[in-house]
Amino acid sequence: MAYVPYTAETRGFVTDKPEHNSSGFFRRLANAIFVSRQRAVERDIARYLQNSKFTDEAEREIERRFFSTR
């Protein structure tokens, strides 16, 4: 039978290895690219709306310019 220490405070098992939640290199790179692109789109939308109101027409134009798959 194996011995596994149990703590009452955390109500969980104690392990010798700490949890390792860091992502790999490519996941961090992909996230950085995504965040960069998201910020660029938000800046472009803010620049577009700087001199106009947010109307239905403006919303359609934003969707056409920035969220088109073409």
C-alpha atoms as a PDB file:
ATOM      1  CA  MET A   1       0.000   0.000   0.000  1.00  0.00           C
ATOM      2  CA  ALA A   2       1.328   3.453  -0.928  1.00  0.00           C
ATOM      3  CA  TYR A   3       1.450   6.328   1.497  1.00  0.00           C
ATOM      4  CA  VAL A   4       0.006   9.621   0.231  1.00  0.00           C
ATOM      5  CA  PRO A   5       0.003  12.571   2.628  1.00  0.00           C
ATOM      6  CA  TYR A   6      -3.263  14.498   2.802  1.00  0.00           C
ATOM      7  CA  THR A   7      -3.623  18.082   4.005  1.00  0.00           C
ATOM      8  CA  ALA A   8      -6.740  19.350   5.721  1.00  0.00           C
ATOM      9  CA  GLU A   9      -6.182  22.973   4.695  1.00  0.00           C
ATOM     10  CA  THR A  10      -6.202  22.497   0.939  1.00  0.00           C
ATOM     11  CA  ARG A  11      -8.401  19.402   1.007  1.00  0.00           C
ATOM     12  CA  GLY A  12      -6.204  17.861  -1.614  1.00  0.00           C
ATOM     13  CA  PHE A  13      -3.285  15.525  -1.993  1.00  0.00           C
ATOM     14  CA  VAL A  14       0.254  16.737  -1.582  1.00  0.00           C
ATOM     15  CA  THR A  15       2.589  15.945  -4.451  1.00  0.00           C
ATOM     16  CA  ASP A  16       6.333  16.256  -4.698  1.00  0.00           C
ATOM     17  CA  LYS A  17       6.178  18.135  -8.010  1.00  0.00           C
ATOM     18  CA  PRO A  18       4.657  21.610  -8.174  1.00  0.00           C
ATOM     19  CA  GLU A  19       2.025  22.174 -10.854  1.00  0.00           C
ATOM     20  CA  HIS A  20       3.553  23.438 -14.069  1.00  0.00           C
ATOM     21  CA  ASN A  21       1.037  25.626 -15.913  1.00  0.00           C
ATOM     22  CA  SER A  22       3.347  27.460 -18.276  1.00  0.00           C
ATOM     23  CA  SER A  23       2.593  27.161 -21.945  1.00  0.00           C
ATOM     24  CA  GLY A  24       5.000  26.051 -24.594  1.00  0.00           C
ATOM     25  CA  PHE A  25       6.908  28.366 -26.885  1.00  0.00           C
ATOM     26  CA  PHE A  26       4.544  28.077 -29.866  1.00  0.00           C
ATOM     27  CA  ARG A  27       1.431  28.609 -27.716  1.00  0.00           C
ATOM     28  CA  ARG A  28       2.951  31.792 -26.241  1.00  0.00           C
ATOM     29  CA  LEU A  29       3.968  32.953 -29.742  1.00  0.00           C
ATOM     30  CA  ALA A  30       0.469  32.339 -31.121  1.00  0.00           C
ATOM     31  CA  ASN A  31      -1.090  34.180 -28.171  1.00  0.00           C
ATOM     32  CA  ALA A  32       1.273  37.132 -28.668  1.00  0.00           C
ATOM     33  CA  ILE A  33       0.352  37.322 -32.365  1.00  0.00           C
ATOM     34  CA  PHE A  34      -3.350  37.142 -31.518  1.00  0.00           C
ATOM     35  CA  VAL A  35      -3.094  39.900 -28.891  1.00  0.00           C
ATOM     36  CA  SER A  36      -1.068  42.085 -31.258  1.00  0.00           C
ATOM     37  CA  ARG A  37      -3.633  41.691 -34.059  1.00  0.00           C
ATOM     38  CA  GLN A  38      -6.514  42.348 -31.646  1.00  0.00           C
ATOM     39  CA  ARG A  39      -4.902  45.600 -30.464  1.00  0.00           C
ATOM     40  CA  ALA A  40      -4.262  46.715 -34.040  1.00  0.00           C
ATOM     41  CA  VAL A  41      -7.908  46.147 -34.996  1.00  0.00           C
ATOM     42  CA  GLU A  42      -9.104  47.997 -31.896  1.00  0.00           C
ATOM     43  CA  ARG A  43      -6.834  50.953 -32.771  1.00  0.00           C
ATOM     44  CA  ASP A  44      -8.150  50.992 -36.342  1.00  0.00           C
ATOM     45  CA  ILE A  45     -11.760  50.917 -35.154  1.00  0.00           C
ATOM     46  CA  ALA A  46     -11.093  53.745 -32.695  1.00  0.00           C
ATOM     47  CA  ARG A  47      -9.468  55.765 -35.487  1.00  0.00           C
ATOM     48  CA  TYR A  48     -12.469  55.110 -37.750  1.00  0.00           C
ATOM     49  CA  LEU A  49     -14.948  56.187 -35.060  1.00  0.00           C
ATOM     50  CA  GLN A  50     -12.939  59.222 -33.966  1.00  0.00           C
ATOM     51  CA  ASN A  51     -14.897  61.693 -36.090  1.00  0.00           C
ATOM     52  CA  SER A  52     -18.233  59.917 -36.375  1.00  0.00           C
ATOM     53  CA  LYS A  53     -20.977  58.423 -34.274  1.00  0.00           C
ATOM     54  CA  PHE A  54     -21.489  54.717 -33.794  1.00  0.00           C
ATOM     55  CA  THR A  55     -24.519  54.117 -35.981  1.00  0.00           C
ATOM     56  CA  ASP A  56     -25.834  51.043 -37.750  1.00  0.00           C
ATOM     57  CA  GLU A  57     -24.086  52.163 -40.913  1.00  0.00           C
ATOM     58  CA  ALA A  58     -20.779  52.596 -39.053  1.00  0.00           C
ATOM     59  CA  GLU A  59     -21.173  49.160 -37.485  1.00  0.00           C
ATOM     60  CA  ARG A  60     -21.740  47.561 -40.898  1.00  0.00           C
ATOM     61  CA  GLU A  61     -18.713  49.366 -42.323  1.00  0.00           C
ATOM     62  CA  ILE A  62     -16.524  48.214 -39.417  1.00  0.00           C
ATOM     63  CA  GLU A  63     -17.654  44.631 -39.909  1.00  0.00           C
ATOM     64  CA  ARG A  64     -16.983  44.892 -43.643  1.00  0.00           C
ATOM     65  CA  ARG A  65     -13.493  46.394 -43.184  1.00  0.00           C
ATOM     66  CA  PHE A  66     -12.126  44.503 -40.222  1.00  0.00           C
ATOM     67  CA  PHE A  67     -13.988  41.228 -39.882  1.00  0.00           C
ATOM     68  CA  SER A  68     -14.230  40.154 -43.476  1.00  0.00           C
ATOM     69  CA  THR A  69     -12.661  36.771 -44.281  1.00  0.00           C
ATOM     70  CA  ARG A  70     -11.608  37.872 -47.766  1.00  0.00           C
END
